[in-house]
Amino acid sequence: MDSIFATMISMVSIIAPCIVFGACCYYLSKKTAVEAILMAIGSGLGLLIHVFYLLMPFLMNSKNLPYTDVSKYYTVAGIISFITGMCFAAGFLILIINTFKKNQVVNDQFPKSID
């Protein structure tokens, strides 16, 4: 019973990555641009890595994996997680830059009073 409760509590942490991935997919469906693709790739692979981190302890117990193998898996997952984080961050930065450029163009169209 205690193990089931702990498993359910650990699954709550997957809600935020699912929401982020869903929002990125929605943005990608509305606007196919470089930033949308980068953010969707980053959040999708980040979600998969998050699921891997949640399921790895169960896999270790069921397969009786030695620590050296587990360490290799976590190292590879960490490198992939870093790359996906950089993809998401690059896409988000491009989105912010494009949004500010668009707002700057709109603001420069109106005359400013000299009162």
PDB file of N, CA and C in Angstrom:
ATOM      1  N   MET A   1       0.828  -1.194   0.000  1.00  0.00           N
ATOM      2  CA  MET A   1       0.000   0.000   0.000  1.00  0.00           C
ATOM      3  C   MET A   1       0.866   1.249   0.000  1.00  0.00           C
ATOM      4  N   ASP A   2       1.911   1.247   0.818  1.00  0.00           N
ATOM      5  CA  ASP A   2       2.794   2.411   0.900  1.00  0.00           C
ATOM      6  C   ASP A   2       3.548   2.608  -0.411  1.00  0.00           C
ATOM      7  N   SER A   3       3.918   1.508  -1.068  1.00  0.00           N
ATOM      8  CA  SER A   3       4.615   1.581  -2.342  1.00  0.00           C
ATOM      9  C   SER A   3       3.711   2.144  -3.436  1.00  0.00           C
ATOM     10  N   ILE A   4       2.449   1.761  -3.431  1.00  0.00           N
ATOM     11  CA  ILE A   4       1.503   2.271  -4.426  1.00  0.00           C
ATOM     12  C   ILE A   4       1.290   3.769  -4.243  1.00  0.00           C
ATOM     13  N   PHE A   5       1.177   4.199  -2.983  1.00  0.00           N
ATOM     14  CA  PHE A   5       0.993   5.622  -2.697  1.00  0.00           C
ATOM     15  C   PHE A   5       2.219   6.423  -3.132  1.00  0.00           C
ATOM     16  N   ALA A   6       3.395   5.904  -2.878  1.00  0.00           N
ATOM     17  CA  ALA A   6       4.629   6.587  -3.289  1.00  0.00           C
ATOM     18  C   ALA A   6       4.724   6.670  -4.808  1.00  0.00           C
ATOM     19  N   THR A   7       4.296   5.628  -5.489  1.00  0.00           N
ATOM     20  CA  THR A   7       4.300   5.631  -6.950  1.00  0.00           C
ATOM     21  C   THR A   7       3.331   6.668  -7.488  1.00  0.00           C
ATOM     22  N   MET A   8       2.156   6.761  -6.897  1.00  0.00           N
ATOM     23  CA  MET A   8       1.166   7.753  -7.340  1.00  0.00           C
ATOM     24  C   MET A   8       1.673   9.177  -7.109  1.00  0.00           C
ATOM     25  N   ILE A   9       2.321   9.412  -6.001  1.00  0.00           N
ATOM     26  CA  ILE A   9       2.870  10.741  -5.714  1.00  0.00           C
ATOM     27  C   ILE A   9       3.972  11.083  -6.710  1.00  0.00           C
ATOM     28  N   SER A  10       4.800  10.106  -7.070  1.00  0.00           N
ATOM     29  CA  SER A  10       5.875  10.379  -8.029  1.00  0.00           C
ATOM     30  C   SER A  10       5.324  10.649  -9.426  1.00  0.00           C
ATOM     31  N   MET A  11       4.163  10.104  -9.750  1.00  0.00           N
ATOM     32  CA  MET A  11       3.560  10.322 -11.063  1.00  0.00           C
ATOM     33  C   MET A  11       2.968  11.728 -11.198  1.00  0.00           C
ATOM     34  N   VAL A  12       2.751  12.410 -10.086  1.00  0.00           N
ATOM     35  CA  VAL A  12       2.211  13.776 -10.134  1.00  0.00           C
ATOM     36  C   VAL A  12       3.206  14.707 -10.825  1.00  0.00           C
ATOM     37  N   SER A  13       4.480  14.412 -10.703  1.00  0.00           N
ATOM     38  CA  SER A  13       5.499  15.288 -11.284  1.00  0.00           C
ATOM     39  C   SER A  13       5.507  15.272 -12.805  1.00  0.00           C
ATOM     40  N   ILE A  14       4.775  14.385 -13.412  1.00  0.00           N
ATOM     41  CA  ILE A  14       4.745  14.305 -14.877  1.00  0.00           C
ATOM     42  C   ILE A  14       3.695  15.257 -15.466  1.00  0.00           C
ATOM     43  N   ILE A  15       2.859  15.842 -14.631  1.00  0.00           N
ATOM     44  CA  ILE A  15       1.790  16.715 -15.117  1.00  0.00           C
ATOM     45  C   ILE A  15       2.357  17.953 -15.809  1.00  0.00           C
ATOM     46  N   ALA A  16       3.314  18.621 -15.194  1.00  0.00           N
ATOM     47  CA  ALA A  16       3.878  19.841 -15.782  1.00  0.00           C
ATOM     48  C   ALA A  16       4.559  19.592 -17.129  1.00  0.00           C
ATOM     49  N   PRO A  17       5.417  18.571 -17.274  1.00  0.00           N
ATOM     50  CA  PRO A  17       5.990  18.325 -18.602  1.00  0.00           C
ATOM     51  C   PRO A  17       4.940  17.986 -19.658  1.00  0.00           C
ATOM     52  N   CYS A  18       3.860  17.319 -19.259  1.00  0.00           N
ATOM     53  CA  CYS A  18       2.785  17.023 -20.215  1.00  0.00           C
ATOM     54  C   CYS A  18       2.089  18.301 -20.674  1.00  0.00           C
ATOM     55  N   ILE A  19       1.860  19.225 -19.755  1.00  0.00           N
ATOM     56  CA  ILE A  19       1.224  20.494 -20.110  1.00  0.00           C
ATOM     57  C   ILE A  19       2.123  21.302 -21.038  1.00  0.00           C
ATOM     58  N   VAL A  20       3.411  21.350 -20.732  1.00  0.00           N
ATOM     59  CA  VAL A  20       4.351  22.089 -21.577  1.00  0.00           C
ATOM     60  C   VAL A  20       4.413  21.475 -22.970  1.00  0.00           C
ATOM     61  N   PHE A  21       4.468  20.147 -23.045  1.00  0.00           N
ATOM     62  CA  PHE A  21       4.500  19.489 -24.349  1.00  0.00           C
ATOM     63  C   PHE A  21       3.210  19.731 -25.128  1.00  0.00           C
ATOM     64  N   GLY A  22       2.090  19.685 -24.447  1.00  0.00           N
ATOM     65  CA  GLY A  22       0.810  19.961 -25.103  1.00  0.00           C
ATOM     66  C   GLY A  22       0.740  21.386 -25.626  1.00  0.00           C
ATOM     67  N   ALA A  23       1.220  22.344 -24.837  1.00  0.00           N
ATOM     68  CA  ALA A  23       1.219  23.742 -25.280  1.00  0.00           C
ATOM     69  C   ALA A  23       2.147  23.935 -26.475  1.00  0.00           C
ATOM     70  N   CYS A  24       3.289  23.280 -26.466  1.00  0.00           N
ATOM     71  CA  CYS A  24       4.222  23.389 -27.598  1.00  0.00           C
ATOM     72  C   CYS A  24       3.640  22.757 -28.857  1.00  0.00           C
ATOM     73  N   CYS A  25       2.959  21.639 -28.706  1.00  0.00           N
ATOM     74  CA  CYS A  25       2.320  21.010 -29.872  1.00  0.00           C
ATOM     75  C   CYS A  25       1.194  21.883 -30.408  1.00  0.00           C
ATOM     76  N   TYR A  26       0.442  22.522 -29.521  1.00  0.00           N
ATOM     77  CA  TYR A  26      -0.623  23.430 -29.954  1.00  0.00           C
ATOM     78  C   TYR A  26      -0.035  24.618 -30.711  1.00  0.00           C
ATOM     79  N   TYR A  27       1.051  25.176 -30.182  1.00  0.00           N
ATOM     80  CA  TYR A  27       1.712  26.295 -30.855  1.00  0.00           C
ATOM     81  C   TYR A  27       2.257  25.855 -32.212  1.00  0.00           C
ATOM     82  N   LEU A  28       2.800  24.657 -32.276  1.00  0.00           N
ATOM     83  CA  LEU A  28       3.321  24.127 -33.538  1.00  0.00           C
ATOM     84  C   LEU A  28       2.202  23.920 -34.556  1.00  0.00           C
ATOM     85  N   SER A  29       1.030  23.516 -34.081  1.00  0.00           N
ATOM     86  CA  SER A  29      -0.086  23.323 -35.009  1.00  0.00           C
ATOM     87  C   SER A  29      -0.621  24.654 -35.534  1.00  0.00           C
ATOM     88  N   LYS A  30      -0.489  25.717 -34.744  1.00  0.00           N
ATOM     89  CA  LYS A  30      -0.967  27.024 -35.174  1.00  0.00           C
ATOM     90  C   LYS A  30       0.051  27.775 -36.025  1.00  0.00           C
ATOM     91  N   LYS A  31       1.321  27.609 -35.713  1.00  0.00           N
ATOM     92  CA  LYS A  31       2.368  28.322 -36.441  1.00  0.00           C
ATOM     93  C   LYS A  31       3.570  27.402 -36.607  1.00  0.00           C
ATOM     94  N   THR A  32       3.823  27.006 -37.842  1.00  0.00           N
ATOM     95  CA  THR A  32       4.975  26.157 -38.110  1.00  0.00           C
ATOM     96  C   THR A  32       6.184  27.051 -38.347  1.00  0.00           C
ATOM     97  N   ALA A  33       6.982  27.200 -37.329  1.00  0.00           N
ATOM     98  CA  ALA A  33       8.171  28.042 -37.394  1.00  0.00           C
ATOM     99  C   ALA A  33       9.303  27.321 -36.673  1.00  0.00           C
ATOM    100  N   VAL A  34      10.489  27.851 -36.816  1.00  0.00           N
ATOM    101  CA  VAL A  34      11.676  27.228 -36.220  1.00  0.00           C
ATOM    102  C   VAL A  34      11.531  27.145 -34.706  1.00  0.00           C
ATOM    103  N   GLU A  35      11.056  28.227 -34.091  1.00  0.00           N
ATOM    104  CA  GLU A  35      10.945  28.228 -32.627  1.00  0.00           C
ATOM    105  C   GLU A  35       9.920  27.201 -32.151  1.00  0.00           C
ATOM    106  N   ALA A  36       8.842  27.024 -32.891  1.00  0.00           N
ATOM    107  CA  ALA A  36       7.831  26.040 -32.506  1.00  0.00           C
ATOM    108  C   ALA A  36       8.380  24.624 -32.622  1.00  0.00           C
ATOM    109  N   ILE A  37       9.140  24.370 -33.670  1.00  0.00           N
ATOM    110  CA  ILE A  37       9.724  23.040 -33.853  1.00  0.00           C
ATOM    111  C   ILE A  37      10.743  22.741 -32.762  1.00  0.00           C
ATOM    112  N   LEU A  38      11.604  23.698 -32.460  1.00  0.00           N
ATOM    113  CA  LEU A  38      12.610  23.487 -31.417  1.00  0.00           C
ATOM    114  C   LEU A  38      11.966  23.263 -30.050  1.00  0.00           C
ATOM    115  N   MET A  39      10.945  24.049 -29.758  1.00  0.00           N
ATOM    116  CA  MET A  39      10.287  23.893 -28.456  1.00  0.00           C
ATOM    117  C   MET A  39       9.536  22.569 -28.375  1.00  0.00           C
ATOM    118  N   ALA A  40       8.914  22.137 -29.458  1.00  0.00           N
ATOM    119  CA  ALA A  40       8.194  20.856 -29.446  1.00  0.00           C
ATOM    120  C   ALA A  40       9.168  19.684 -29.307  1.00  0.00           C
ATOM    121  N   ILE A  41      10.284  19.744 -30.019  1.00  0.00           N
ATOM    122  CA  ILE A  41      11.293  18.680 -29.891  1.00  0.00           C
ATOM    123  C   ILE A  41      11.857  18.652 -28.477  1.00  0.00           C
ATOM    124  N   GLY A  42      12.217  19.818 -27.961  1.00  0.00           N
ATOM    125  CA  GLY A  42      12.796  19.893 -26.622  1.00  0.00           C
ATOM    126  C   GLY A  42      11.844  19.411 -25.544  1.00  0.00           C
ATOM    127  N   SER A  43      10.591  19.834 -25.620  1.00  0.00           N
ATOM    128  CA  SER A  43       9.645  19.424 -24.579  1.00  0.00           C
ATOM    129  C   SER A  43       9.231  17.960 -24.739  1.00  0.00           C
ATOM    130  N   GLY A  44       9.134  17.469 -25.965  1.00  0.00           N
ATOM    131  CA  GLY A  44       8.775  16.066 -26.175  1.00  0.00           C
ATOM    132  C   GLY A  44       9.839  15.114 -25.679  1.00  0.00           C
ATOM    133  N   LEU A  45      11.072  15.379 -26.065  1.00  0.00           N
ATOM    134  CA  LEU A  45      12.160  14.517 -25.578  1.00  0.00           C
ATOM    135  C   LEU A  45      12.389  14.703 -24.083  1.00  0.00           C
ATOM    136  N   GLY A  46      12.160  15.912 -23.593  1.00  0.00           N
ATOM    137  CA  GLY A  46      12.257  16.146 -22.148  1.00  0.00           C
ATOM    138  C   GLY A  46      11.212  15.344 -21.386  1.00  0.00           C
ATOM    139  N   LEU A  47      10.023  15.239 -21.956  1.00  0.00           N
ATOM    140  CA  LEU A  47       8.972  14.420 -21.344  1.00  0.00           C
ATOM    141  C   LEU A  47       9.379  12.949 -21.317  1.00  0.00           C
ATOM    142  N   LEU A  48       9.954  12.471 -22.407  1.00  0.00           N
ATOM    143  CA  LEU A  48      10.407  11.077 -22.441  1.00  0.00           C
ATOM    144  C   LEU A  48      11.514  10.814 -21.422  1.00  0.00           C
ATOM    145  N   ILE A  49      12.432  11.759 -21.291  1.00  0.00           N
ATOM    146  CA  ILE A  49      13.503  11.608 -20.294  1.00  0.00           C
ATOM    147  C   ILE A  49      12.918  11.616 -18.887  1.00  0.00           C
ATOM    148  N   HIS A  50      11.921  12.450 -18.657  1.00  0.00           N
ATOM    149  CA  HIS A  50      11.274  12.500 -17.340  1.00  0.00           C
ATOM    150  C   HIS A  50      10.610  11.159 -17.022  1.00  0.00           C
ATOM    151  N   VAL A  51       9.942  10.578 -17.996  1.00  0.00           N
ATOM    152  CA  VAL A  51       9.327   9.256 -17.801  1.00  0.00           C
ATOM    153  C   VAL A  51      10.411   8.210 -17.546  1.00  0.00           C
ATOM    154  N   PHE A  52      11.532   8.321 -18.246  1.00  0.00           N
ATOM    155  CA  PHE A  52      12.645   7.396 -18.022  1.00  0.00           C
ATOM    156  C   PHE A  52      13.140   7.487 -16.579  1.00  0.00           C
ATOM    157  N   TYR A  53      13.299   8.718 -16.082  1.00  0.00           N
ATOM    158  CA  TYR A  53      13.747   8.895 -14.701  1.00  0.00           C
ATOM    159  C   TYR A  53      12.736   8.338 -13.699  1.00  0.00           C
ATOM    160  N   LEU A  54      11.450   8.400 -14.029  1.00  0.00           N
ATOM    161  CA  LEU A  54      10.443   7.837 -13.134  1.00  0.00           C
ATOM    162  C   LEU A  54      10.443   6.311 -13.148  1.00  0.00           C
ATOM    163  N   LEU A  55      10.680   5.727 -14.315  1.00  0.00           N
ATOM    164  CA  LEU A  55      10.595   4.273 -14.446  1.00  0.00           C
ATOM    165  C   LEU A  55      11.907   3.546 -14.164  1.00  0.00           C
ATOM    166  N   MET A  56      13.002   4.246 -14.149  1.00  0.00           N
ATOM    167  CA  MET A  56      14.307   3.600 -13.965  1.00  0.00           C
ATOM    168  C   MET A  56      14.433   2.858 -12.634  1.00  0.00           C
ATOM    169  N   PRO A  57      13.964   3.392 -11.517  1.00  0.00           N
ATOM    170  CA  PRO A  57      14.071   2.594 -10.276  1.00  0.00           C
ATOM    171  C   PRO A  57      13.315   1.270 -10.352  1.00  0.00           C
ATOM    172  N   PHE A  58      12.153   1.260 -11.009  1.00  0.00           N
ATOM    173  CA  PHE A  58      11.413   0.005 -11.160  1.00  0.00           C
ATOM    174  C   PHE A  58      12.168  -0.974 -12.054  1.00  0.00           C
ATOM    175  N   LEU A  59      12.788  -0.452 -13.099  1.00  0.00           N
ATOM    176  CA  LEU A  59      13.575  -1.293 -13.987  1.00  0.00           C
ATOM    177  C   LEU A  59      14.794  -1.854 -13.268  1.00  0.00           C
ATOM    178  N   MET A  60      15.409  -1.057 -12.428  1.00  0.00           N
ATOM    179  CA  MET A  60      16.578  -1.529 -11.673  1.00  0.00           C
ATOM    180  C   MET A  60      16.191  -2.672 -10.744  1.00  0.00           C
ATOM    181  N   ASN A  61      15.043  -2.540 -10.083  1.00  0.00           N
ATOM    182  CA  ASN A  61      14.612  -3.587  -9.154  1.00  0.00           C
ATOM    183  C   ASN A  61      14.207  -4.860  -9.878  1.00  0.00           C
ATOM    184  N   SER A  62      13.523  -4.729 -10.997  1.00  0.00           N
ATOM    185  CA  SER A  62      13.023  -5.928 -11.675  1.00  0.00           C
ATOM    186  C   SER A  62      14.125  -6.671 -12.431  1.00  0.00           C
ATOM    187  N   LYS A  63      15.098  -5.971 -12.953  1.00  0.00           N
ATOM    188  CA  LYS A  63      16.160  -6.607 -13.743  1.00  0.00           C
ATOM    189  C   LYS A  63      17.432  -6.858 -12.948  1.00  0.00           C
ATOM    190  N   ASN A  64      17.493  -6.377 -11.709  1.00  0.00           N
ATOM    191  CA  ASN A  64      18.688  -6.503 -10.871  1.00  0.00           C
ATOM    192  C   ASN A  64      19.935  -5.995 -11.593  1.00  0.00           C
ATOM    193  N   LEU A  65      19.839  -4.786 -12.100  1.00  0.00           N
ATOM    194  CA  LEU A  65      20.945  -4.192 -12.848  1.00  0.00           C
ATOM    195  C   LEU A  65      22.070  -3.771 -11.910  1.00  0.00           C
ATOM    196  N   PRO A  66      23.321  -3.994 -12.319  1.00  0.00           N
ATOM    197  CA  PRO A  66      24.446  -3.514 -11.505  1.00  0.00           C
ATOM    198  C   PRO A  66      24.561  -1.983 -11.590  1.00  0.00           C
ATOM    199  N   TYR A  67      25.214  -1.418 -10.605  1.00  0.00           N
ATOM    200  CA  TYR A  67      25.327   0.028 -10.519  1.00  0.00           C
ATOM    201  C   TYR A  67      26.059   0.629 -11.717  1.00  0.00           C
ATOM    202  N   THR A  68      27.030  -0.076 -12.265  1.00  0.00           N
ATOM    203  CA  THR A  68      27.786   0.464 -13.396  1.00  0.00           C
ATOM    204  C   THR A  68      26.888   0.643 -14.622  1.00  0.00           C
ATOM    205  N   ASP A  69      25.986  -0.297 -14.862  1.00  0.00           N
ATOM    206  CA  ASP A  69      25.062  -0.158 -15.988  1.00  0.00           C
ATOM    207  C   ASP A  69      24.075   0.977 -15.757  1.00  0.00           C
ATOM    208  N   VAL A  70      23.577   1.061 -14.540  1.00  0.00           N
ATOM    209  CA  VAL A  70      22.629   2.128 -14.200  1.00  0.00           C
ATOM    210  C   VAL A  70      23.300   3.486 -14.353  1.00  0.00           C
ATOM    211  N   SER A  71      24.541   3.587 -13.951  1.00  0.00           N
ATOM    212  CA  SER A  71      25.285   4.831 -14.073  1.00  0.00           C
ATOM    213  C   SER A  71      25.436   5.235 -15.536  1.00  0.00           C
ATOM    214  N   LYS A  72      25.673   4.277 -16.407  1.00  0.00           N
ATOM    215  CA  LYS A  72      25.784   4.570 -17.843  1.00  0.00           C
ATOM    216  C   LYS A  72      24.458   5.075 -18.393  1.00  0.00           C
ATOM    217  N   TYR A  73      23.352   4.435 -17.988  1.00  0.00           N
ATOM    218  CA  TYR A  73      22.039   4.869 -18.460  1.00  0.00           C
ATOM    219  C   TYR A  73      21.731   6.299 -18.014  1.00  0.00           C
ATOM    220  N   TYR A  74      22.027   6.584 -16.762  1.00  0.00           N
ATOM    221  CA  TYR A  74      21.772   7.933 -16.252  1.00  0.00           C
ATOM    222  C   TYR A  74      22.671   8.972 -16.915  1.00  0.00           C
ATOM    223  N   THR A  75      23.893   8.601 -17.245  1.00  0.00           N
ATOM    224  CA  THR A  75      24.792   9.524 -17.930  1.00  0.00           C
ATOM    225  C   THR A  75      24.270   9.861 -19.318  1.00  0.00           C
ATOM    226  N   VAL A  76      23.856   8.855 -20.063  1.00  0.00           N
ATOM    227  CA  VAL A  76      23.306   9.082 -21.410  1.00  0.00           C
ATOM    228  C   VAL A  76      22.021   9.903 -21.319  1.00  0.00           C
ATOM    229  N   ALA A  77      21.173   9.578 -20.349  1.00  0.00           N
ATOM    230  CA  ALA A  77      19.923  10.324 -20.183  1.00  0.00           C
ATOM    231  C   ALA A  77      20.208  11.776 -19.794  1.00  0.00           C
ATOM    232  N   GLY A  78      21.223  12.007 -19.001  1.00  0.00           N
ATOM    233  CA  GLY A  78      21.591  13.373 -18.629  1.00  0.00           C
ATOM    234  C   GLY A  78      22.084  14.178 -19.818  1.00  0.00           C
ATOM    235  N   ILE A  79      22.869  13.563 -20.681  1.00  0.00           N
ATOM    236  CA  ILE A  79      23.362  14.256 -21.878  1.00  0.00           C
ATOM    237  C   ILE A  79      22.198  14.583 -22.814  1.00  0.00           C
ATOM    238  N   ILE A  80      21.304  13.615 -23.012  1.00  0.00           N
ATOM    239  CA  ILE A  80      20.143  13.862 -23.866  1.00  0.00           C
ATOM    240  C   ILE A  80      19.253  14.941 -23.249  1.00  0.00           C
ATOM    241  N   SER A  81      19.102  14.913 -21.946  1.00  0.00           N
ATOM    242  CA  SER A  81      18.300  15.921 -21.259  1.00  0.00           C
ATOM    243  C   SER A  81      18.899  17.311 -21.435  1.00  0.00           C
ATOM    244  N   PHE A  82      20.212  17.413 -21.385  1.00  0.00           N
ATOM    245  CA  PHE A  82      20.877  18.703 -21.603  1.00  0.00           C
ATOM    246  C   PHE A  82      20.617  19.213 -23.024  1.00  0.00           C
ATOM    247  N   ILE A  83      20.730  18.329 -23.995  1.00  0.00           N
ATOM    248  CA  ILE A  83      20.510  18.725 -25.395  1.00  0.00           C
ATOM    249  C   ILE A  83      19.063  19.158 -25.607  1.00  0.00           C
ATOM    250  N   THR A  84      18.106  18.416 -25.045  1.00  0.00           N
ATOM    251  CA  THR A  84      16.702  18.793 -25.214  1.00  0.00           C
ATOM    252  C   THR A  84      16.397  20.100 -24.497  1.00  0.00           C
ATOM    253  N   GLY A  85      17.019  20.317 -23.371  1.00  0.00           N
ATOM    254  CA  GLY A  85      16.841  21.592 -22.677  1.00  0.00           C
ATOM    255  C   GLY A  85      17.384  22.758 -23.485  1.00  0.00           C
ATOM    256  N   MET A  86      18.504  22.550 -24.138  1.00  0.00           N
ATOM    257  CA  MET A  86      19.066  23.599 -24.988  1.00  0.00           C
ATOM    258  C   MET A  86      18.180  23.853 -26.208  1.00  0.00           C
ATOM    259  N   CYS A  87      17.599  22.800 -26.782  1.00  0.00           N
ATOM    260  CA  CYS A  87      16.662  22.983 -27.903  1.00  0.00           C
ATOM    261  C   CYS A  87      15.461  23.805 -27.476  1.00  0.00           C
ATOM    262  N   PHE A  88      14.884  23.463 -26.333  1.00  0.00           N
ATOM    263  CA  PHE A  88      13.725  24.205 -25.850  1.00  0.00           C
ATOM    264  C   PHE A  88      14.098  25.649 -25.550  1.00  0.00           C
ATOM    265  N   ALA A  89      15.239  25.846 -24.895  1.00  0.00           N
ATOM    266  CA  ALA A  89      15.662  27.212 -24.544  1.00  0.00           C
ATOM    267  C   ALA A  89      15.937  28.046 -25.794  1.00  0.00           C
ATOM    268  N   ALA A  90      16.548  27.456 -26.813  1.00  0.00           N
ATOM    269  CA  ALA A  90      16.812  28.184 -28.058  1.00  0.00           C
ATOM    270  C   ALA A  90      15.504  28.572 -28.740  1.00  0.00           C
ATOM    271  N   GLY A  91      14.560  27.647 -28.795  1.00  0.00           N
ATOM    272  CA  GLY A  91      13.266  27.954 -29.390  1.00  0.00           C
ATOM    273  C   GLY A  91      12.520  29.023 -28.620  1.00  0.00           C
ATOM    274  N   PHE A  92      12.572  28.952 -27.310  1.00  0.00           N
ATOM    275  CA  PHE A  92      11.905  29.952 -26.475  1.00  0.00           C
ATOM    276  C   PHE A  92      12.557  31.324 -26.639  1.00  0.00           C
ATOM    277  N   LEU A  93      13.880  31.361 -26.728  1.00  0.00           N
ATOM    278  CA  LEU A  93      14.587  32.621 -26.936  1.00  0.00           C
ATOM    279  C   LEU A  93      14.236  33.222 -28.299  1.00  0.00           C
ATOM    280  N   ILE A  94      14.173  32.408 -29.329  1.00  0.00           N
ATOM    281  CA  ILE A  94      13.785  32.903 -30.657  1.00  0.00           C
ATOM    282  C   ILE A  94      12.357  33.447 -30.618  1.00  0.00           C
ATOM    283  N   LEU A  95      11.465  32.762 -29.912  1.00  0.00           N
ATOM    284  CA  LEU A  95      10.081  33.219 -29.777  1.00  0.00           C
ATOM    285  C   LEU A  95      10.020  34.575 -29.084  1.00  0.00           C
ATOM    286  N   ILE A  96      10.784  34.752 -28.029  1.00  0.00           N
ATOM    287  CA  ILE A  96      10.796  36.032 -27.308  1.00  0.00           C
ATOM    288  C   ILE A  96      11.356  37.142 -28.186  1.00  0.00           C
ATOM    289  N   ILE A  97      12.454  36.880 -28.876  1.00  0.00           N
ATOM    290  CA  ILE A  97      13.059  37.893 -29.747  1.00  0.00           C
ATOM    291  C   ILE A  97      12.090  38.297 -30.848  1.00  0.00           C
ATOM    292  N   ASN A  98      11.441  37.325 -31.486  1.00  0.00           N
ATOM    293  CA  ASN A  98      10.480  37.638 -32.543  1.00  0.00           C
ATOM    294  C   ASN A  98       9.283  38.407 -32.007  1.00  0.00           C
ATOM    295  N   THR A  99       8.832  38.086 -30.810  1.00  0.00           N
ATOM    296  CA  THR A  99       7.703  38.802 -30.215  1.00  0.00           C
ATOM    297  C   THR A  99       8.073  40.250 -29.930  1.00  0.00           C
ATOM    298  N   PHE A 100       9.259  40.493 -29.390  1.00  0.00           N
ATOM    299  CA  PHE A 100       9.676  41.871 -29.111  1.00  0.00           C
ATOM    300  C   PHE A 100       9.890  42.660 -30.393  1.00  0.00           C
ATOM    301  N   LYS A 101      10.403  42.012 -31.433  1.00  0.00           N
ATOM    302  CA  LYS A 101      10.571  42.705 -32.717  1.00  0.00           C
ATOM    303  C   LYS A 101       9.214  43.106 -33.281  1.00  0.00           C
ATOM    304  N   LYS A 102       8.246  42.211 -33.184  1.00  0.00           N
ATOM    305  CA  LYS A 102       6.913  42.499 -33.695  1.00  0.00           C
ATOM    306  C   LYS A 102       6.275  43.648 -32.907  1.00  0.00           C
ATOM    307  N   ASN A 103       6.433  43.659 -31.589  1.00  0.00           N
ATOM    308  CA  ASN A 103       5.872  44.737 -30.769  1.00  0.00           C
ATOM    309  C   ASN A 103       6.580  46.055 -31.028  1.00  0.00           C
ATOM    310  N   GLN A 104       7.864  46.029 -31.305  1.00  0.00           N
ATOM    311  CA  GLN A 104       8.622  47.251 -31.583  1.00  0.00           C
ATOM    312  C   GLN A 104       8.140  47.887 -32.880  1.00  0.00           C
ATOM    313  N   VAL A 105       7.849  47.081 -33.883  1.00  0.00           N
ATOM    314  CA  VAL A 105       7.357  47.599 -35.154  1.00  0.00           C
ATOM    315  C   VAL A 105       6.002  48.263 -34.954  1.00  0.00           C
ATOM    316  N   VAL A 106       5.128  47.673 -34.159  1.00  0.00           N
ATOM    317  CA  VAL A 106       3.814  48.250 -33.898  1.00  0.00           C
ATOM    318  C   VAL A 106       3.942  49.548 -33.115  1.00  0.00           C
ATOM    319  N   ASN A 107       4.819  49.605 -32.142  1.00  0.00           N
ATOM    320  CA  ASN A 107       4.970  50.813 -31.325  1.00  0.00           C
ATOM    321  C   ASN A 107       5.573  51.971 -32.116  1.00  0.00           C
ATOM    322  N   ASP A 108       6.416  51.688 -33.106  1.00  0.00           N
ATOM    323  CA  ASP A 108       7.046  52.753 -33.888  1.00  0.00           C
ATOM    324  C   ASP A 108       6.109  53.362 -34.923  1.00  0.00           C
ATOM    325  N   GLN A 109       4.939  52.810 -35.146  1.00  0.00           N
ATOM    326  CA  GLN A 109       4.023  53.312 -36.155  1.00  0.00           C
ATOM    327  C   GLN A 109       3.224  54.520 -35.671  1.00  0.00           C
ATOM    328  N   PHE A 110       3.110  54.705 -34.380  1.00  0.00           N
ATOM    329  CA  PHE A 110       2.286  55.784 -33.854  1.00  0.00           C
ATOM    330  C   PHE A 110       3.160  56.989 -33.512  1.00  0.00           C
ATOM    331  N   PRO A 111       2.692  58.206 -33.822  1.00  0.00           N
ATOM    332  CA  PRO A 111       3.490  59.398 -33.498  1.00  0.00           C
ATOM    333  C   PRO A 111       3.487  59.645 -31.989  1.00  0.00           C
ATOM    334  N   LYS A 112       4.578  60.205 -31.547  1.00  0.00           N
ATOM    335  CA  LYS A 112       4.714  60.497 -30.121  1.00  0.00           C
ATOM    336  C   LYS A 112       4.483  61.984 -29.911  1.00  0.00           C
ATOM    337  N   SER A 113       3.744  62.298 -28.862  1.00  0.00           N
ATOM    338  CA  SER A 113       3.475  63.715 -28.593  1.00  0.00           C
ATOM    339  C   SER A 113       4.674  64.336 -27.882  1.00  0.00           C
ATOM    340  N   ILE A 114       4.853  65.599 -28.084  1.00  0.00           N
ATOM    341  CA  ILE A 114       6.003  66.306 -27.497  1.00  0.00           C
ATOM    342  C   ILE A 114       5.519  67.242 -26.383  1.00  0.00           C
ATOM    343  N   ASP A 115       4.378  67.039 -25.830  1.00  0.00           N
ATOM    344  CA  ASP A 115       3.812  67.931 -24.804  1.00  0.00           C
ATOM    345  C   ASP A 115       4.781  68.161 -23.722  1.00  0.00           C
TER     346      ASP A 115
END
